[in-house]
Protein backbone atom coordinates (compact mmCIF):
# COMPACT_ATOMS: atom_id res chain seq x y z
CA MET A 1 5.90 -50.13 0.43
CA VAL A 2 4.82 -47.36 2.91
CA LEU A 3 4.47 -43.84 1.20
CA ASN A 4 5.42 -40.95 3.43
CA ASP A 5 3.06 -37.86 3.26
CA SER A 6 5.47 -36.16 0.89
CA ALA A 7 5.84 -38.65 -1.53
CA TRP A 8 2.32 -39.49 -1.57
CA MET A 9 1.31 -35.94 -2.14
CA LEU A 10 3.94 -36.00 -5.21
CA LEU A 11 3.05 -39.08 -6.53
CA PHE A 12 -0.76 -37.74 -6.45
CA LEU A 13 0.20 -34.87 -8.12
CA LEU A 14 2.88 -36.44 -10.83
CA LEU A 15 0.93 -39.35 -11.91
CA PRO A 16 -1.90 -37.44 -13.51
CA ILE A 17 0.00 -34.70 -15.40
CA ALA A 18 1.94 -37.75 -16.89
CA ALA A 19 -1.32 -39.67 -17.82
CA PHE A 20 -2.36 -36.34 -19.08
CA PHE A 21 0.60 -35.50 -21.58
CA TYR A 22 0.50 -38.79 -22.72
CA ALA A 23 -2.90 -39.60 -23.35
CA SER A 24 -3.13 -36.61 -25.36
CA VAL A 25 -0.73 -37.98 -27.96
CA GLY A 26 -2.73 -41.61 -27.90
CA HIS A 27 0.07 -43.22 -25.44
CA GLY A 28 -0.96 -44.59 -21.89
CA GLY A 29 1.94 -43.26 -19.71
CA ALA A 30 3.51 -46.43 -18.67
CA SER A 31 7.17 -45.77 -18.96
CA SER A 32 6.55 -42.08 -16.84
CA TYR A 33 4.51 -44.30 -14.37
CA LEU A 34 7.93 -46.72 -14.41
CA MET A 35 9.95 -43.89 -13.78
CA LEU A 36 7.96 -42.02 -10.88
CA LEU A 37 7.57 -45.08 -8.94
CA ALA A 38 11.06 -46.19 -9.22
CA LEU A 39 12.22 -42.73 -8.32
CA PHE A 40 9.72 -43.13 -5.40
CA GLN A 41 11.76 -46.41 -4.46
CA VAL A 42 8.32 -48.34 -4.49
CA ASP A 43 8.89 -52.45 -4.63
CA PRO A 44 10.10 -53.48 -8.09
CA LEU A 45 7.60 -56.22 -7.78
CA GLN A 46 5.00 -53.71 -7.32
CA ILE A 47 5.84 -51.09 -10.37
CA ARG A 48 5.09 -53.11 -13.44
CA PRO A 49 1.52 -54.21 -12.48
CA THR A 50 0.75 -50.99 -11.12
CA ALA A 51 2.08 -49.47 -14.28
CA LEU A 52 0.44 -51.68 -16.52
CA LEU A 53 -2.77 -51.40 -15.14
CA LEU A 54 -2.76 -47.41 -15.01
CA ASN A 55 -2.13 -48.17 -18.91
CA MET A 56 -4.68 -49.98 -19.77
CA PHE A 57 -6.94 -47.31 -18.71
CA VAL A 58 -5.62 -44.28 -19.93
CA SER A 59 -4.82 -45.85 -23.28
CA GLY A 60 -8.34 -47.46 -23.65
CA PHE A 61 -9.85 -43.88 -23.26
CA ALA A 62 -6.94 -42.63 -25.78
CA PHE A 63 -8.17 -45.05 -28.29
CA LEU A 64 -12.15 -44.31 -27.91
CA SER A 65 -11.22 -40.27 -28.58
CA TYR A 66 -8.76 -41.11 -31.42
CA ARG A 67 -10.83 -43.63 -33.17
CA LYS A 68 -13.51 -40.93 -34.00
CA THR A 69 -10.95 -38.95 -35.78
CA CYS A 70 -9.26 -41.10 -38.51
CA ARG A 71 -9.58 -44.09 -40.69
CA PHE A 72 -8.33 -47.02 -38.43
CA GLN A 73 -5.93 -49.39 -40.52
CA HIS A 74 -7.21 -52.98 -39.46
CA ARG A 75 -5.10 -54.80 -41.78
CA LEU A 76 -1.83 -53.55 -40.52
CA PHE A 77 -3.21 -53.30 -36.73
CA TRP A 78 -4.00 -56.99 -36.21
CA PRO A 79 -0.84 -58.57 -37.44
CA LEU A 80 1.05 -56.39 -35.15
CA VAL A 81 -0.99 -57.00 -32.14
CA LEU A 82 -1.97 -60.86 -32.68
CA PHE A 83 1.91 -61.37 -32.24
CA SER A 84 2.48 -58.71 -29.71
CA VAL A 85 -0.26 -59.85 -27.11
CA PRO A 86 1.40 -63.23 -26.44
CA ALA A 87 4.96 -62.05 -26.50
CA ALA A 88 3.95 -59.43 -23.64
CA PHE A 89 2.46 -62.06 -21.40
CA ILE A 90 5.90 -64.30 -21.73
CA GLY A 91 7.90 -60.92 -20.88
CA GLY A 92 5.52 -60.23 -18.37
CA SER A 93 5.98 -63.29 -16.67
CA LEU A 94 9.77 -62.52 -16.09
CA VAL A 95 11.68 -60.92 -13.66
CA VAL A 96 14.01 -58.40 -14.30
CA ASP A 97 17.12 -57.06 -11.76
CA ALA A 98 16.20 -53.70 -10.12
CA ASP A 99 19.42 -52.15 -11.72
CA LEU A 100 18.68 -53.76 -15.26
CA TYR A 101 15.43 -52.44 -14.90
CA ARG A 102 16.36 -48.66 -14.58
CA LYS A 103 19.24 -49.26 -17.13
CA ILE A 104 16.59 -50.37 -19.76
CA LEU A 105 14.01 -47.92 -18.89
CA GLY A 106 16.39 -45.11 -19.48
CA VAL A 107 17.11 -46.35 -22.97
CA LEU A 108 13.31 -46.75 -23.79
CA LEU A 109 12.56 -43.30 -22.64
CA LEU A 110 14.91 -42.13 -25.54
CA PHE A 111 12.03 -43.49 -27.82
CA PRO A 112 9.37 -40.90 -26.88
CA ILE A 113 12.11 -38.14 -26.76
CA ALA A 114 12.64 -38.57 -30.38
CA ARG A 115 9.40 -38.66 -31.33
CA PHE A 116 8.32 -35.25 -29.51
CA LEU A 117 11.27 -33.64 -31.32
CA ASN A 118 9.86 -34.74 -34.66
CA LEU A 119 12.50 -37.03 -35.37
CA PHE A 120 9.78 -39.21 -36.70
CA PRO A 121 7.68 -36.59 -38.78
CA GLU A 122 4.46 -37.70 -40.36
CA ASN A 123 4.97 -39.53 -44.02
CA LYS A 124 1.91 -38.86 -46.20
CA GLU A 125 2.94 -41.49 -48.54
CA PHE A 126 1.65 -44.32 -46.58
CA LYS A 127 3.13 -47.80 -47.69
CA THR A 128 1.11 -50.51 -46.10
CA ASP A 129 1.29 -52.45 -48.94
CA ARG A 130 5.37 -52.60 -48.77
CA LYS A 131 7.32 -55.07 -46.45
CA PHE A 132 4.17 -55.72 -44.48
CA TRP A 133 5.47 -59.09 -43.72
CA MET A 134 7.74 -57.41 -41.17
CA ALA A 135 4.65 -56.58 -39.36
CA PRO A 136 4.33 -59.75 -37.29
CA LEU A 137 7.95 -59.64 -36.37
CA ILE A 138 7.85 -56.17 -35.27
CA GLY A 139 4.92 -56.99 -33.07
CA LEU A 140 6.66 -59.76 -31.45
CA LEU A 141 9.37 -57.69 -30.33
CA ILE A 142 7.84 -54.78 -29.27
CA GLY A 143 5.59 -56.95 -27.23
CA PHE A 144 8.07 -58.87 -25.66
CA VAL A 145 10.14 -55.98 -24.57
CA SER A 146 6.98 -54.18 -23.45
CA GLY A 147 5.74 -56.92 -21.16
CA LEU A 148 9.49 -57.27 -19.69
CA ILE A 149 9.71 -54.01 -18.86
CA GLY A 150 6.15 -53.29 -17.79
CA ILE A 151 5.10 -51.07 -20.82
CA GLY A 152 2.45 -51.09 -23.44
CA GLY A 153 4.55 -50.70 -26.34
CA GLY A 154 3.24 -47.14 -27.60
CA ILE A 155 6.61 -45.61 -26.93
CA LEU A 156 8.42 -48.08 -29.38
CA LEU A 157 5.62 -48.85 -32.10
CA SER A 158 4.63 -44.74 -32.70
CA PRO A 159 8.27 -44.05 -34.26
CA VAL A 160 8.26 -47.46 -36.21
CA LEU A 161 4.56 -46.44 -37.60
CA LEU A 162 5.90 -42.97 -38.68
CA LEU A 163 9.32 -43.97 -39.87
CA THR A 164 7.92 -46.50 -41.88
CA GLY A 165 5.22 -44.17 -43.21
CA TRP A 166 2.53 -46.66 -42.44
CA ALA A 167 0.42 -44.40 -40.73
CA SER A 168 -0.46 -40.79 -40.31
CA MET A 169 -0.22 -38.99 -36.85
CA ARG A 170 -3.56 -39.23 -36.15
CA GLU A 171 -4.25 -43.09 -37.28
CA THR A 172 -0.38 -43.78 -35.35
CA ALA A 173 -2.41 -42.69 -32.20
CA ALA A 174 -5.70 -44.68 -32.63
CA MET A 175 -3.47 -47.65 -33.20
CA SER A 176 -0.94 -47.29 -30.72
CA ALA A 177 -3.76 -46.60 -28.10
CA LEU A 178 -5.39 -49.91 -28.96
CA PHE A 179 -2.11 -51.34 -29.18
CA ILE A 180 -1.00 -50.38 -25.89
CA PHE A 181 -4.16 -51.44 -24.10
CA LEU A 182 -4.16 -55.25 -25.32
CA ASN A 183 -0.36 -55.50 -24.39
CA SER A 184 -0.95 -53.81 -20.91
CA ALA A 185 -3.95 -56.28 -20.59
CA SER A 186 -1.71 -59.24 -21.46
CA GLY A 187 1.41 -57.93 -19.56
CA PHE A 188 -0.74 -57.26 -16.25
CA LEU A 189 -2.14 -60.99 -16.38
CA GLY A 190 1.61 -62.02 -16.83
CA ALA A 191 3.02 -60.10 -13.91
CA GLY A 192 -0.05 -60.63 -12.01
CA ALA A 193 0.15 -64.30 -12.10
CA PHE A 194 3.86 -64.13 -10.84
CA HIS A 195 4.11 -61.20 -8.89
CA PRO A 196 2.27 -59.75 -5.52
CA ALA A 197 -0.93 -57.96 -5.67
CA ILE A 198 -1.08 -54.33 -5.91
CA THR A 199 -1.01 -52.55 -2.37
CA THR A 200 -4.07 -50.36 -1.54
CA GLU A 201 -1.81 -47.29 -1.30
CA LEU A 202 -0.88 -47.67 -5.19
CA TRP A 203 -4.76 -48.30 -5.71
CA LEU A 204 -5.57 -45.17 -3.95
CA LEU A 205 -3.31 -43.45 -6.58
CA MET A 206 -5.15 -44.50 -9.45
CA PRO A 207 -8.66 -42.43 -9.93
CA GLY A 208 -7.06 -39.07 -10.30
CA THR A 209 -4.22 -40.80 -12.72
CA VAL A 210 -7.30 -42.25 -15.00
CA ALA A 211 -9.16 -39.15 -14.84
CA ALA A 212 -6.49 -36.90 -15.87
CA GLY A 213 -5.79 -39.43 -18.63
CA MET A 214 -9.44 -39.34 -19.79
CA LEU A 215 -9.08 -35.29 -19.92
CA GLY A 216 -5.72 -35.66 -21.89
CA ALA A 217 -7.19 -37.89 -24.38
CA TRP A 218 -10.26 -35.45 -25.27
CA TYR A 219 -8.10 -32.54 -25.43
CA GLY A 220 -5.39 -34.13 -27.63
CA ALA A 221 -7.88 -35.77 -30.15
CA PHE A 222 -10.45 -32.69 -30.30
CA ARG A 223 -9.03 -29.73 -28.96
CA PHE A 224 -5.31 -29.51 -27.88
CA ASN A 225 -2.50 -27.75 -29.62
CA LEU A 226 0.40 -29.77 -28.47
CA LYS A 227 3.45 -28.24 -29.89
CA THR A 228 4.50 -26.47 -26.64
CA LEU A 229 3.51 -29.51 -24.33
CA LYS A 230 5.45 -32.06 -26.53
CA TYR A 231 8.68 -29.90 -25.59
CA LEU A 232 7.99 -29.69 -22.13
CA LEU A 233 7.52 -33.47 -22.11
CA THR A 234 10.76 -34.15 -23.84
CA SER A 235 12.56 -32.27 -21.07
CA VAL A 236 11.10 -34.18 -18.52
CA LEU A 237 11.66 -37.39 -20.10
CA LEU A 238 15.16 -36.56 -21.11
CA PHE A 239 15.95 -35.77 -17.45
CA ALA A 240 14.30 -38.80 -16.15
CA SER A 241 16.19 -40.98 -18.62
CA VAL A 242 19.42 -39.38 -17.94
CA LYS A 243 19.01 -39.88 -13.91
CA LEU A 244 17.73 -43.62 -14.48
CA LEU A 245 20.94 -44.55 -16.85
CA LEU A 246 23.30 -42.50 -14.19
CA THR A 247 22.25 -44.00 -11.01
C-alpha cells in the first residue's frame, strides 16, 4: 500500500484527533483507526495490526492517567481480562472477509455512539456482588470479537460496566483502558503471527497519534469537560458507521 500525499496528510491529522478524543474517555481509539484506515483503502491485512499497536500505546497512557483518579476494582477486572486475553489471541489469528469486516465494524461503532449519547448513564448503586459469575463469560465474548475485528474491546466493555452498575464512570475508564491494552497486546500477537508486518509508511503515522493520545488521556482524567466533545465525536462515529454499513 502506497499513500498519495493528500491521503498521507489527512491520516497524519485525523489519527491523532481520534486518539485524543478516545483517550480522553479511557479508550484506545481502535474503532476510529480501523475506520480511517479502511476508508483510505489500506490493505485489510495491515489494518488490524496497525490499529491494535496504536491501541496498546494510547490505552496504556489512558490507564496511567485514570488509575490516579479512582479506586481500581481488581475483583471485577481480573475475571474479565483472564478470559478475554486468550480469546482475543484466537480472534486475532482469524482472517475476516473485507466486506464482512466493514459491516461488523459499522455495527460495533454504534456502541460508543450509544455511550456518548448517555444511553448508559452512571449507576451509583454498584452491584459487583450480583451476577458476578457472568464476568468471565462477558470477558470471553468481548475478547474474541475484539481480536477478530482488531479492537481492544473498550467500546464493548464500557457500556456493559455502566449498564450493570458494576463501576462508576471513572472506574469504567480505568478498567476499560487496561482491558484494552491487554486485549490489544494479545490480539496484536495473534495478528502478527499470521499477517504481514506493518509497513514503514504506517509506522511513521504512529508517533503523532500516540502523543495526541497521551495528551487526551491527561486532559480527560484531570482537566477536560467532555460534554461538547462527546457529541462531536458521536456525530463523526455515526457518519462512519452509516458509511461502512452502506458501502
